[in-house]
Amino acid sequence: MTWSRVVGIGAVLALACSPREGATPSSAESPRSSTTPGTGTGTGTSRGESEGATAPVGSPGCGKASRAGASAQKVNALGKSRAFTLVVPEGYSPRVPYPLVVVLHGGGGSAAGARAQTDLEKVAGGNALFVYPEAVGGTWNLDAPTASNGDVALFDAVLLFAHNTLCVDGHRVFLTGFSNGAYMANQLACKRGERIRAVVTHAGGGPYETSGTYDATGHLMCPGKAVASLVVHGTSDGTVPPNEGQKSIDHWSYASRCGSGTTSTLVPPCVALQGCLQPVGTCKIPGLGHGLWSQAGKITWSFFDALK
């Protein structure tokens, strides 16, 4: 797979909210073509699998009409009513499977704020469905075990809602987040790897799990397959130190059995790791503090869009 399509000036994914403090390692139209990761079920440490071209996997919601635009929605997660914003693009075709992008706001933020501060929808050009979940009290729960974690349950419920009401490409569910939301995105990518194709994080870290199991090399053992990953972090981030982002790179590169080399097929200063079973890349932005790179929106969508 090549990433040469990742180009030029990007839009700011400006979810400028404070992060988690003290984070630890942690049938009318023709369907679109798509490539997907393998479907094996990893055991032990999450391991990558090679990609293979397949047709999009349409969800039960395919064929159901839906009005374009943003709407406030609610789902039940572990007995609690949880809110999220759903965005259906203009020109939505209910028989064409669309990728689904879940955007997680930063700590202290909100779904509405996240949507107002990002132009991912514009960059996607009407080619994706977007979901902006709302954290309780503005902060994602990074510490509760999976079975009792309301935010994991929220992701599951939102995904079920989207699959049952919209035409979602089941092979192209993507996650992105900033700061505390970036940590949560990595947690979900570990806990729900079989349902997620790729994750792009900005100024975050993880995955880690306080009560999780780590292998002899200190890597968190995830129950599903590895996912494609892009880690974006400022070298001058004084809130979430760059070494937290490096831990994410280490986790996903280990999970995908990457080699030691890199290639400059991404927008500089981003690089792609070589020899990975799933794409893994990193953008270490010189001089950037705890904020979003000017090209964050562009490179986020380009990374997702290339996974077909």
C-alpha atoms as a PDB file:
ATOM      1  CA  MET A   1       0.000   0.000   0.000  1.00  0.00           C
ATOM      2  CA  THR A   2       1.247   3.486  -0.732  1.00  0.00           C
ATOM      3  CA  TRP A   3       0.488   6.719   1.020  1.00  0.00           C
ATOM      4  CA  SER A   4       1.691   9.038  -1.721  1.00  0.00           C
ATOM      5  CA  ARG A   5      -1.860  10.379  -1.898  1.00  0.00           C
ATOM      6  CA  VAL A   6      -1.312  12.168   1.381  1.00  0.00           C
ATOM      7  CA  VAL A   7      -0.798  15.726   0.183  1.00  0.00           C
ATOM      8  CA  GLY A   8      -0.272  19.368   1.043  1.00  0.00           C
ATOM      9  CA  ILE A   9      -2.008  21.839   3.215  1.00  0.00           C
ATOM     10  CA  GLY A  10      -4.278  20.298   5.782  1.00  0.00           C
ATOM     11  CA  ALA A  11      -6.998  21.643   7.949  1.00  0.00           C
ATOM     12  CA  VAL A  12      -6.693  21.954  11.691  1.00  0.00           C
ATOM     13  CA  LEU A  13      -8.257  19.225  13.774  1.00  0.00           C
ATOM     14  CA  ALA A  14      -8.451  21.790  16.562  1.00  0.00           C
ATOM     15  CA  LEU A  15      -9.979  19.874  19.429  1.00  0.00           C
ATOM     16  CA  ALA A  16      -8.147  22.122  21.846  1.00  0.00           C
ATOM     17  CA  CYS A  17      -9.120  20.615  25.167  1.00  0.00           C
ATOM     18  CA  SER A  18      -6.964  19.544  28.078  1.00  0.00           C
ATOM     19  CA  PRO A  19      -5.875  15.876  28.163  1.00  0.00           C
ATOM     20  CA  ARG A  20      -6.144  13.265  30.815  1.00  0.00           C
ATOM     21  CA  GLU A  21      -3.676  14.157  33.524  1.00  0.00           C
ATOM     22  CA  GLY A  22      -1.164  11.651  34.775  1.00  0.00           C
ATOM     23  CA  ALA A  23      -1.656   9.179  31.918  1.00  0.00           C
ATOM     24  CA  THR A  24       0.326   6.006  32.267  1.00  0.00           C
ATOM     25  CA  PRO A  25       1.697   3.619  29.618  1.00  0.00           C
ATOM     26  CA  SER A  26      -1.026   2.543  28.685  1.00  0.00           C
ATOM     27  CA  SER A  27     -28.625  -2.144  -4.425  1.00  0.00           C
ATOM     28  CA  ALA A  28     -28.973   0.781  -6.856  1.00  0.00           C
ATOM     29  CA  GLU A  29     -25.507   2.158  -6.955  1.00  0.00           C
ATOM     30  CA  SER A  30     -22.369   0.120  -7.368  1.00  0.00           C
ATOM     31  CA  PRO A  31     -20.568  -0.249  -4.028  1.00  0.00           C
ATOM     32  CA  ARG A  32     -17.143   1.246  -3.495  1.00  0.00           C
ATOM     33  CA  SER A  33     -14.055  -0.892  -3.678  1.00  0.00           C
ATOM     34  CA  SER A  34     -12.189  -1.498  -0.480  1.00  0.00           C
ATOM     35  CA  THR A  35      -9.220  -3.326   0.970  1.00  0.00           C
ATOM     36  CA  THR A  36      -9.426  -4.654   4.463  1.00  0.00           C
ATOM     37  CA  PRO A  37      -7.191  -6.251   7.041  1.00  0.00           C
ATOM     38  CA  GLY A  38      -7.268  -9.975   7.632  1.00  0.00           C
ATOM     39  CA  THR A  39     -10.047 -11.427   9.714  1.00  0.00           C
ATOM     40  CA  GLY A  40      -8.144 -13.766  11.983  1.00  0.00           C
ATOM     41  CA  THR A  41      -8.683 -13.481  15.713  1.00  0.00           C
ATOM     42  CA  GLY A  42      -5.409 -12.775  17.413  1.00  0.00           C
ATOM     43  CA  THR A  43      -4.625 -14.419  20.699  1.00  0.00           C
ATOM     44  CA  GLY A  44      -2.242 -13.020  23.225  1.00  0.00           C
ATOM     45  CA  THR A  45      -0.598  -9.797  22.141  1.00  0.00           C
ATOM     46  CA  SER A  46      -2.474  -8.048  19.358  1.00  0.00           C
ATOM     47  CA  ARG A  47      -0.751  -8.987  16.094  1.00  0.00           C
ATOM     48  CA  GLY A  48      -1.171  -7.548  12.625  1.00  0.00           C
ATOM     49  CA  GLU A  49      -2.435  -9.366   9.567  1.00  0.00           C
ATOM     50  CA  SER A  50      -1.867  -8.663   5.917  1.00  0.00           C
ATOM     51  CA  GLU A  51      -4.418  -6.703   3.929  1.00  0.00           C
ATOM     52  CA  GLY A  52      -6.578  -8.212   1.213  1.00  0.00           C
ATOM     53  CA  ALA A  53      -8.865  -6.572  -1.319  1.00  0.00           C
ATOM     54  CA  THR A  54     -12.534  -7.269  -0.744  1.00  0.00           C
ATOM     55  CA  ALA A  55     -15.853  -5.688  -1.580  1.00  0.00           C
ATOM     56  CA  PRO A  56     -17.300  -3.379   1.072  1.00  0.00           C
ATOM     57  CA  VAL A  57     -19.320  -5.112   3.753  1.00  0.00           C
ATOM     58  CA  GLY A  58     -22.716  -3.397   3.873  1.00  0.00           C
ATOM     59  CA  SER A  59     -24.444  -3.155   7.246  1.00  0.00           C
ATOM     60  CA  PRO A  60     -28.104  -3.992   8.056  1.00  0.00           C
ATOM     61  CA  GLY A  61     -28.916  -0.300   7.621  1.00  0.00           C
ATOM     62  CA  CYS A  62     -28.161  -0.375   3.897  1.00  0.00           C
ATOM     63  CA  GLY A  63     -31.255   0.549   1.935  1.00  0.00           C
ATOM     64  CA  LYS A  64     -32.777   2.663   4.716  1.00  0.00           C
ATOM     65  CA  ALA A  65     -33.258   6.321   3.857  1.00  0.00           C
ATOM     66  CA  SER A  66     -31.622   8.928   6.096  1.00  0.00           C
ATOM     67  CA  ARG A  67     -31.734  12.699   6.033  1.00  0.00           C
ATOM     68  CA  ALA A  68     -28.414  14.429   5.416  1.00  0.00           C
ATOM     69  CA  GLY A  69     -26.971  16.727   8.052  1.00  0.00           C
ATOM     70  CA  ALA A  70     -26.186  16.659  11.759  1.00  0.00           C
ATOM     71  CA  SER A  71     -28.556  15.262  14.360  1.00  0.00           C
ATOM     72  CA  ALA A  72     -28.451  14.734  18.108  1.00  0.00           C
ATOM     73  CA  GLN A  73     -28.830  11.079  19.028  1.00  0.00           C
ATOM     74  CA  LYS A  74     -28.921   8.990  22.175  1.00  0.00           C
ATOM     75  CA  VAL A  75     -28.163   5.358  22.944  1.00  0.00           C
ATOM     76  CA  ASN A  76     -28.232   3.208  26.056  1.00  0.00           C
ATOM     77  CA  ALA A  77     -24.827   2.161  27.370  1.00  0.00           C
ATOM     78  CA  LEU A  78     -24.623   0.096  30.553  1.00  0.00           C
ATOM     79  CA  GLY A  79     -28.040   1.348  31.601  1.00  0.00           C
ATOM     80  CA  LYS A  80     -27.284   5.028  31.020  1.00  0.00           C
ATOM     81  CA  SER A  81     -28.525   7.316  28.268  1.00  0.00           C
ATOM     82  CA  ARG A  82     -25.537   8.627  26.330  1.00  0.00           C
ATOM     83  CA  ALA A  83     -25.456  11.360  23.707  1.00  0.00           C
ATOM     84  CA  PHE A  84     -23.644  11.713  20.414  1.00  0.00           C
ATOM     85  CA  THR A  85     -23.864  13.764  17.241  1.00  0.00           C
ATOM     86  CA  LEU A  86     -24.356  11.922  13.964  1.00  0.00           C
ATOM     87  CA  VAL A  87     -23.453  13.548  10.656  1.00  0.00           C
ATOM     88  CA  VAL A  88     -24.771  12.135   7.376  1.00  0.00           C
ATOM     89  CA  PRO A  89     -23.180  13.737   4.293  1.00  0.00           C
ATOM     90  CA  GLU A  90     -25.072  15.560   1.573  1.00  0.00           C
ATOM     91  CA  GLY A  91     -25.818  13.234  -1.315  1.00  0.00           C
ATOM     92  CA  TYR A  92     -25.891  10.204   0.973  1.00  0.00           C
ATOM     93  CA  SER A  93     -26.721   7.034  -0.993  1.00  0.00           C
ATOM     94  CA  PRO A  94     -28.398   4.486   1.276  1.00  0.00           C
ATOM     95  CA  ARG A  95     -27.233   1.483  -0.756  1.00  0.00           C
ATOM     96  CA  VAL A  96     -23.572   2.458  -0.866  1.00  0.00           C
ATOM     97  CA  PRO A  97     -21.477   1.369   2.169  1.00  0.00           C
ATOM     98  CA  TYR A  98     -19.746   4.390   3.700  1.00  0.00           C
ATOM     99  CA  PRO A  99     -16.762   4.463   6.039  1.00  0.00           C
ATOM    100  CA  LEU A 100     -17.618   5.532   9.575  1.00  0.00           C
ATOM    101  CA  VAL A 101     -15.328   7.968  11.404  1.00  0.00           C
ATOM    102  CA  VAL A 102     -15.645   8.257  15.189  1.00  0.00           C
ATOM    103  CA  VAL A 103     -14.139  11.502  16.534  1.00  0.00           C
ATOM    104  CA  LEU A 104     -13.313  11.697  20.259  1.00  0.00           C
ATOM    105  CA  HIS A 105     -13.005  15.151  21.810  1.00  0.00           C
ATOM    106  CA  GLY A 106     -10.269  16.142  24.230  1.00  0.00           C
ATOM    107  CA  GLY A 107     -10.626  16.242  27.999  1.00  0.00           C
ATOM    108  CA  GLY A 108     -13.066  18.930  29.108  1.00  0.00           C
ATOM    109  CA  GLY A 109     -14.477  19.126  25.593  1.00  0.00           C
ATOM    110  CA  SER A 110     -17.761  18.166  23.984  1.00  0.00           C
ATOM    111  CA  ALA A 111     -19.162  16.561  20.860  1.00  0.00           C
ATOM    112  CA  ALA A 112     -20.469  19.907  19.607  1.00  0.00           C
ATOM    113  CA  GLY A 113     -17.128  21.587  20.241  1.00  0.00           C
ATOM    114  CA  ALA A 114     -15.249  18.826  18.464  1.00  0.00           C
ATOM    115  CA  ARG A 115     -17.389  19.137  15.374  1.00  0.00           C
ATOM    116  CA  ALA A 116     -17.158  22.928  15.339  1.00  0.00           C
ATOM    117  CA  GLN A 117     -13.379  22.838  15.538  1.00  0.00           C
ATOM    118  CA  THR A 118     -12.596  20.258  12.881  1.00  0.00           C
ATOM    119  CA  ASP A 119     -13.057  20.254   9.118  1.00  0.00           C
ATOM    120  CA  LEU A 120     -12.690  16.521   8.668  1.00  0.00           C
ATOM    121  CA  GLU A 121     -16.167  16.458   7.158  1.00  0.00           C
ATOM    122  CA  LYS A 122     -15.113  19.006   4.540  1.00  0.00           C
ATOM    123  CA  VAL A 123     -11.874  17.203   3.807  1.00  0.00           C
ATOM    124  CA  ALA A 124     -13.762  13.908   3.415  1.00  0.00           C
ATOM    125  CA  GLY A 125     -15.861  15.507   0.689  1.00  0.00           C
ATOM    126  CA  GLY A 126     -19.100  13.721   1.532  1.00  0.00           C
ATOM    127  CA  ASN A 127     -17.492  10.297   1.431  1.00  0.00           C
ATOM    128  CA  ALA A 128     -17.915   9.290   5.076  1.00  0.00           C
ATOM    129  CA  LEU A 129     -20.324   9.174   7.984  1.00  0.00           C
ATOM    130  CA  PHE A 130     -19.185  10.922  11.171  1.00  0.00           C
ATOM    131  CA  VAL A 131     -19.987  10.308  14.824  1.00  0.00           C
ATOM    132  CA  TYR A 132     -19.012  12.625  17.689  1.00  0.00           C
ATOM    133  CA  PRO A 133     -19.657  10.905  21.047  1.00  0.00           C
ATOM    134  CA  GLU A 134     -20.022  12.843  24.287  1.00  0.00           C
ATOM    135  CA  ALA A 135     -17.968  11.908  27.361  1.00  0.00           C
ATOM    136  CA  VAL A 136     -19.584  12.066  30.797  1.00  0.00           C
ATOM    137  CA  GLY A 137     -18.253  15.209  32.440  1.00  0.00           C
ATOM    138  CA  GLY A 138     -16.078  15.836  29.394  1.00  0.00           C
ATOM    139  CA  THR A 139     -13.540  13.126  30.237  1.00  0.00           C
ATOM    140  CA  TRP A 140     -13.160   9.625  28.813  1.00  0.00           C
ATOM    141  CA  ASN A 141     -12.832   6.705  31.216  1.00  0.00           C
ATOM    142  CA  LEU A 142      -9.406   5.205  30.574  1.00  0.00           C
ATOM    143  CA  ASP A 143      -9.157   3.082  33.703  1.00  0.00           C
ATOM    144  CA  ALA A 144     -12.293   0.962  34.180  1.00  0.00           C
ATOM    145  CA  PRO A 145     -12.067  -2.632  32.885  1.00  0.00           C
ATOM    146  CA  THR A 146     -13.711  -3.300  29.550  1.00  0.00           C
ATOM    147  CA  ALA A 147     -16.779  -5.073  30.947  1.00  0.00           C
ATOM    148  CA  SER A 148     -17.674  -2.187  33.253  1.00  0.00           C
ATOM    149  CA  ASN A 149     -16.390   0.703  31.134  1.00  0.00           C
ATOM    150  CA  GLY A 150     -19.256   2.952  30.103  1.00  0.00           C
ATOM    151  CA  ASP A 151     -17.255   4.531  27.301  1.00  0.00           C
ATOM    152  CA  VAL A 152     -16.431   1.178  25.728  1.00  0.00           C
ATOM    153  CA  ALA A 153     -20.135   0.367  25.999  1.00  0.00           C
ATOM    154  CA  LEU A 154     -20.905   3.733  24.384  1.00  0.00           C
ATOM    155  CA  PHE A 155     -18.684   2.900  21.421  1.00  0.00           C
ATOM    156  CA  ASP A 156     -20.374  -0.489  21.046  1.00  0.00           C
ATOM    157  CA  ALA A 157     -23.842   1.074  21.212  1.00  0.00           C
ATOM    158  CA  VAL A 158     -23.013   3.853  18.752  1.00  0.00           C
ATOM    159  CA  LEU A 159     -21.520   1.362  16.317  1.00  0.00           C
ATOM    160  CA  LEU A 160     -24.621  -0.843  16.570  1.00  0.00           C
ATOM    161  CA  PHE A 161     -26.877   2.169  16.054  1.00  0.00           C
ATOM    162  CA  ALA A 162     -24.951   3.268  12.966  1.00  0.00           C
ATOM    163  CA  HIS A 163     -24.867  -0.227  11.473  1.00  0.00           C
ATOM    164  CA  ASN A 164     -28.609  -0.711  11.963  1.00  0.00           C
ATOM    165  CA  THR A 165     -29.747   2.673  10.666  1.00  0.00           C
ATOM    166  CA  LEU A 166     -27.166   3.600   8.005  1.00  0.00           C
ATOM    167  CA  CYS A 167     -25.200   1.927   5.239  1.00  0.00           C
ATOM    168  CA  VAL A 168     -21.831   1.428   6.921  1.00  0.00           C
ATOM    169  CA  ASP A 169     -18.836  -0.337   5.424  1.00  0.00           C
ATOM    170  CA  GLY A 170     -18.045  -2.747   8.234  1.00  0.00           C
ATOM    171  CA  HIS A 171     -14.430  -3.000   7.102  1.00  0.00           C
ATOM    172  CA  ARG A 172     -13.842   0.745   7.381  1.00  0.00           C
ATOM    173  CA  VAL A 173     -14.612   1.915  10.891  1.00  0.00           C
ATOM    174  CA  PHE A 174     -12.074   4.569  11.889  1.00  0.00           C
ATOM    175  CA  LEU A 175     -11.182   6.318  15.143  1.00  0.00           C
ATOM    176  CA  THR A 176      -9.451   9.609  15.778  1.00  0.00           C
ATOM    177  CA  GLY A 177      -9.037  11.748  18.863  1.00  0.00           C
ATOM    178  CA  PHE A 178      -7.078  14.503  20.543  1.00  0.00           C
ATOM    179  CA  SER A 179      -5.373  14.348  23.940  1.00  0.00           C
ATOM    180  CA  ASN A 180      -7.673  12.466  26.358  1.00  0.00           C
ATOM    181  CA  GLY A 181      -9.683  11.449  23.297  1.00  0.00           C
ATOM    182  CA  ALA A 182      -6.522  10.130  21.663  1.00  0.00           C
ATOM    183  CA  TYR A 183      -5.853   7.914  24.668  1.00  0.00           C
ATOM    184  CA  MET A 184      -9.427   6.617  24.480  1.00  0.00           C
ATOM    185  CA  ALA A 185      -9.103   5.991  20.748  1.00  0.00           C
ATOM    186  CA  ASN A 186      -6.055   3.804  21.370  1.00  0.00           C
ATOM    187  CA  GLN A 187      -7.826   2.008  24.232  1.00  0.00           C
ATOM    188  CA  LEU A 188     -10.748   1.202  21.951  1.00  0.00           C
ATOM    189  CA  ALA A 189      -8.442   0.133  19.129  1.00  0.00           C
ATOM    190  CA  CYS A 190      -6.933  -2.382  21.544  1.00  0.00           C
ATOM    191  CA  LYS A 191     -10.186  -3.551  23.148  1.00  0.00           C
ATOM    192  CA  ARG A 192     -12.232  -3.572  19.929  1.00  0.00           C
ATOM    193  CA  GLY A 193      -9.622  -4.286  17.271  1.00  0.00           C
ATOM    194  CA  GLU A 194     -11.877  -6.654  15.319  1.00  0.00           C
ATOM    195  CA  ARG A 195     -14.303  -3.791  14.689  1.00  0.00           C
ATOM    196  CA  ILE A 196     -11.796  -1.029  13.892  1.00  0.00           C
ATOM    197  CA  ARG A 197      -9.705  -0.597  10.754  1.00  0.00           C
ATOM    198  CA  ALA A 198      -7.459   2.278  11.784  1.00  0.00           C
ATOM    199  CA  VAL A 199      -6.783   4.863  14.456  1.00  0.00           C
ATOM    200  CA  VAL A 200      -5.158   8.302  14.159  1.00  0.00           C
ATOM    201  CA  THR A 201      -4.202  10.010  17.405  1.00  0.00           C
ATOM    202  CA  HIS A 202      -3.127  13.575  18.133  1.00  0.00           C
ATOM    203  CA  ALA A 203      -1.185  14.484  21.302  1.00  0.00           C
ATOM    204  CA  GLY A 204      -2.135  11.316  23.147  1.00  0.00           C
ATOM    205  CA  GLY A 205      -0.763   7.992  24.302  1.00  0.00           C
ATOM    206  CA  GLY A 206      -1.699   4.424  25.146  1.00  0.00           C
ATOM    207  CA  PRO A 207      -3.071   1.903  24.899  1.00  0.00           C
ATOM    208  CA  TYR A 208      -2.592   0.817  28.466  1.00  0.00           C
ATOM    209  CA  GLU A 209      -4.820  -0.976  30.944  1.00  0.00           C
ATOM    210  CA  THR A 210      -4.371  -0.773  34.682  1.00  0.00           C
ATOM    211  CA  SER A 211      -5.695  -4.297  35.222  1.00  0.00           C
ATOM    212  CA  GLY A 212      -4.552  -5.592  31.838  1.00  0.00           C
ATOM    213  CA  THR A 213      -2.093  -8.330  30.940  1.00  0.00           C
ATOM    214  CA  TYR A 214       1.327  -7.500  29.528  1.00  0.00           C
ATOM    215  CA  ASP A 215       3.673  -9.897  27.793  1.00  0.00           C
ATOM    216  CA  ALA A 216       7.304 -10.554  28.704  1.00  0.00           C
ATOM    217  CA  THR A 217       8.411  -7.534  26.655  1.00  0.00           C
ATOM    218  CA  GLY A 218       6.046  -5.185  28.480  1.00  0.00           C
ATOM    219  CA  HIS A 219       3.516  -4.831  25.665  1.00  0.00           C
ATOM    220  CA  LEU A 220      -0.184  -4.779  26.478  1.00  0.00           C
ATOM    221  CA  MET A 221      -1.913  -7.916  25.236  1.00  0.00           C
ATOM    222  CA  CYS A 222      -4.969  -6.936  23.187  1.00  0.00           C
ATOM    223  CA  PRO A 223      -7.742  -9.441  22.424  1.00  0.00           C
ATOM    224  CA  GLY A 224      -8.150  -8.602  18.715  1.00  0.00           C
ATOM    225  CA  LYS A 225      -6.019  -7.997  15.670  1.00  0.00           C
ATOM    226  CA  ALA A 226      -3.703  -5.036  15.278  1.00  0.00           C
ATOM    227  CA  VAL A 227      -5.086  -1.953  13.559  1.00  0.00           C
ATOM    228  CA  ALA A 228      -3.474   0.523  11.197  1.00  0.00           C
ATOM    229  CA  SER A 229      -2.194   3.480  13.201  1.00  0.00           C
ATOM    230  CA  LEU A 230      -0.871   7.007  12.720  1.00  0.00           C
ATOM    231  CA  VAL A 231       0.528   8.837  15.750  1.00  0.00           C
ATOM    232  CA  VAL A 232       0.820  12.633  15.552  1.00  0.00           C
ATOM    233  CA  HIS A 233       2.581  14.475  18.381  1.00  0.00           C
ATOM    234  CA  GLY A 234       4.347  17.792  18.928  1.00  0.00           C
ATOM    235  CA  THR A 235       7.960  17.624  20.035  1.00  0.00           C
ATOM    236  CA  SER A 236       7.356  20.517  22.480  1.00  0.00           C
ATOM    237  CA  ASP A 237       4.200  19.140  24.086  1.00  0.00           C
ATOM    238  CA  GLY A 238       4.518  19.905  27.793  1.00  0.00           C
ATOM    239  CA  THR A 239       1.117  18.493  28.774  1.00  0.00           C
ATOM    240  CA  VAL A 240       1.230  15.044  27.219  1.00  0.00           C
ATOM    241  CA  PRO A 241       4.978  14.436  26.779  1.00  0.00           C
ATOM    242  CA  PRO A 242       6.186  13.137  23.406  1.00  0.00           C
ATOM    243  CA  ASN A 243       7.312   9.898  25.049  1.00  0.00           C
ATOM    244  CA  GLU A 244       3.617   9.076  25.566  1.00  0.00           C
ATOM    245  CA  GLY A 245       3.129   9.202  21.815  1.00  0.00           C
ATOM    246  CA  GLN A 246       6.253   7.097  21.396  1.00  0.00           C
ATOM    247  CA  LYS A 247       4.663   4.413  23.554  1.00  0.00           C
ATOM    248  CA  SER A 248       1.762   4.297  21.089  1.00  0.00           C
ATOM    249  CA  ILE A 249       4.192   3.923  18.187  1.00  0.00           C
ATOM    250  CA  ASP A 250       6.002   1.160  20.038  1.00  0.00           C
ATOM    251  CA  HIS A 251       2.744  -0.686  20.745  1.00  0.00           C
ATOM    252  CA  TRP A 252       1.343  -0.603  17.215  1.00  0.00           C
ATOM    253  CA  SER A 253       4.659  -1.245  15.487  1.00  0.00           C
ATOM    254  CA  TYR A 254       5.199  -4.279  17.706  1.00  0.00           C
ATOM    255  CA  ALA A 255       1.658  -5.492  17.077  1.00  0.00           C
ATOM    256  CA  SER A 256       2.157  -5.203  13.307  1.00  0.00           C
ATOM    257  CA  ARG A 257       5.649  -6.707  13.370  1.00  0.00           C
ATOM    258  CA  CYS A 258       7.202  -3.654  11.738  1.00  0.00           C
ATOM    259  CA  GLY A 259      10.837  -3.576  10.741  1.00  0.00           C
ATOM    260  CA  SER A 260      13.335  -1.001  11.938  1.00  0.00           C
ATOM    261  CA  GLY A 261      13.350   1.183   8.834  1.00  0.00           C
ATOM    262  CA  THR A 262      11.149   4.097   7.809  1.00  0.00           C
ATOM    263  CA  THR A 263      10.154   5.636   4.500  1.00  0.00           C
ATOM    264  CA  SER A 264       9.182   9.221   3.700  1.00  0.00           C
ATOM    265  CA  THR A 265       6.003   8.460   1.766  1.00  0.00           C
ATOM    266  CA  LEU A 266       3.948  10.701   4.044  1.00  0.00           C
ATOM    267  CA  VAL A 267       3.910  14.501   4.274  1.00  0.00           C
ATOM    268  CA  PRO A 268       7.157  15.583   5.994  1.00  0.00           C
ATOM    269  CA  PRO A 269       8.004  15.291   8.817  1.00  0.00           C
ATOM    270  CA  CYS A 270       5.758  12.224   8.896  1.00  0.00           C
ATOM    271  CA  VAL A 271       7.246   8.819   8.123  1.00  0.00           C
ATOM    272  CA  ALA A 272       5.838   5.352   7.573  1.00  0.00           C
ATOM    273  CA  LEU A 273       7.405   2.361   9.264  1.00  0.00           C
ATOM    274  CA  GLN A 274       8.557  -0.379   6.921  1.00  0.00           C
ATOM    275  CA  GLY A 275       7.682  -4.059   6.865  1.00  0.00           C
ATOM    276  CA  CYS A 276       4.435  -3.685   8.845  1.00  0.00           C
ATOM    277  CA  LEU A 277       1.545  -6.081   8.420  1.00  0.00           C
ATOM    278  CA  GLN A 278      -0.757  -3.123   9.081  1.00  0.00           C
ATOM    279  CA  PRO A 279       0.271   0.431   8.129  1.00  0.00           C
ATOM    280  CA  VAL A 280       1.941   2.305  10.971  1.00  0.00           C
ATOM    281  CA  GLY A 281       3.121   5.899  10.689  1.00  0.00           C
ATOM    282  CA  THR A 282       4.271   8.733  12.878  1.00  0.00           C
ATOM    283  CA  CYS A 283       4.375  12.517  12.641  1.00  0.00           C
ATOM    284  CA  LYS A 284       6.686  14.198  15.134  1.00  0.00           C
ATOM    285  CA  ILE A 285       6.030  17.911  14.641  1.00  0.00           C
ATOM    286  CA  PRO A 286       8.983  20.172  15.554  1.00  0.00           C
ATOM    287  CA  GLY A 287       8.113  22.973  17.969  1.00  0.00           C
ATOM    288  CA  LEU A 288       4.448  22.015  18.330  1.00  0.00           C
ATOM    289  CA  GLY A 289       3.110  22.123  21.874  1.00  0.00           C
ATOM    290  CA  HIS A 290      -0.089  20.589  23.171  1.00  0.00           C
ATOM    291  CA  GLY A 291      -2.243  21.382  20.194  1.00  0.00           C
ATOM    292  CA  LEU A 292      -3.127  20.298  16.697  1.00  0.00           C
ATOM    293  CA  TRP A 293      -0.776  20.426  13.749  1.00  0.00           C
ATOM    294  CA  SER A 294      -1.924  22.678  10.889  1.00  0.00           C
ATOM    295  CA  GLN A 295      -2.166  19.607   8.653  1.00  0.00           C
ATOM    296  CA  ALA A 296      -3.894  17.379  11.190  1.00  0.00           C
ATOM    297  CA  GLY A 297      -7.268  17.194   9.489  1.00  0.00           C
ATOM    298  CA  LYS A 298      -5.819  16.558   6.053  1.00  0.00           C
ATOM    299  CA  ILE A 299      -3.440  13.834   7.092  1.00  0.00           C
ATOM    300  CA  THR A 300      -6.069  12.154   9.282  1.00  0.00           C
ATOM    301  CA  TRP A 301      -8.509  11.751   6.418  1.00  0.00           C
ATOM    302  CA  SER A 302      -5.773  10.897   3.897  1.00  0.00           C
ATOM    303  CA  PHE A 303      -4.556   8.088   6.135  1.00  0.00           C
ATOM    304  CA  PHE A 304      -8.077   6.693   6.463  1.00  0.00           C
ATOM    305  CA  ASP A 305      -8.995   7.211   2.816  1.00  0.00           C
ATOM    306  CA  ALA A 306      -5.936   5.299   1.625  1.00  0.00           C
ATOM    307  CA  LEU A 307      -7.141   2.170   3.435  1.00  0.00           C
ATOM    308  CA  LYS A 308      -9.399   0.764   0.730  1.00  0.00           C
END
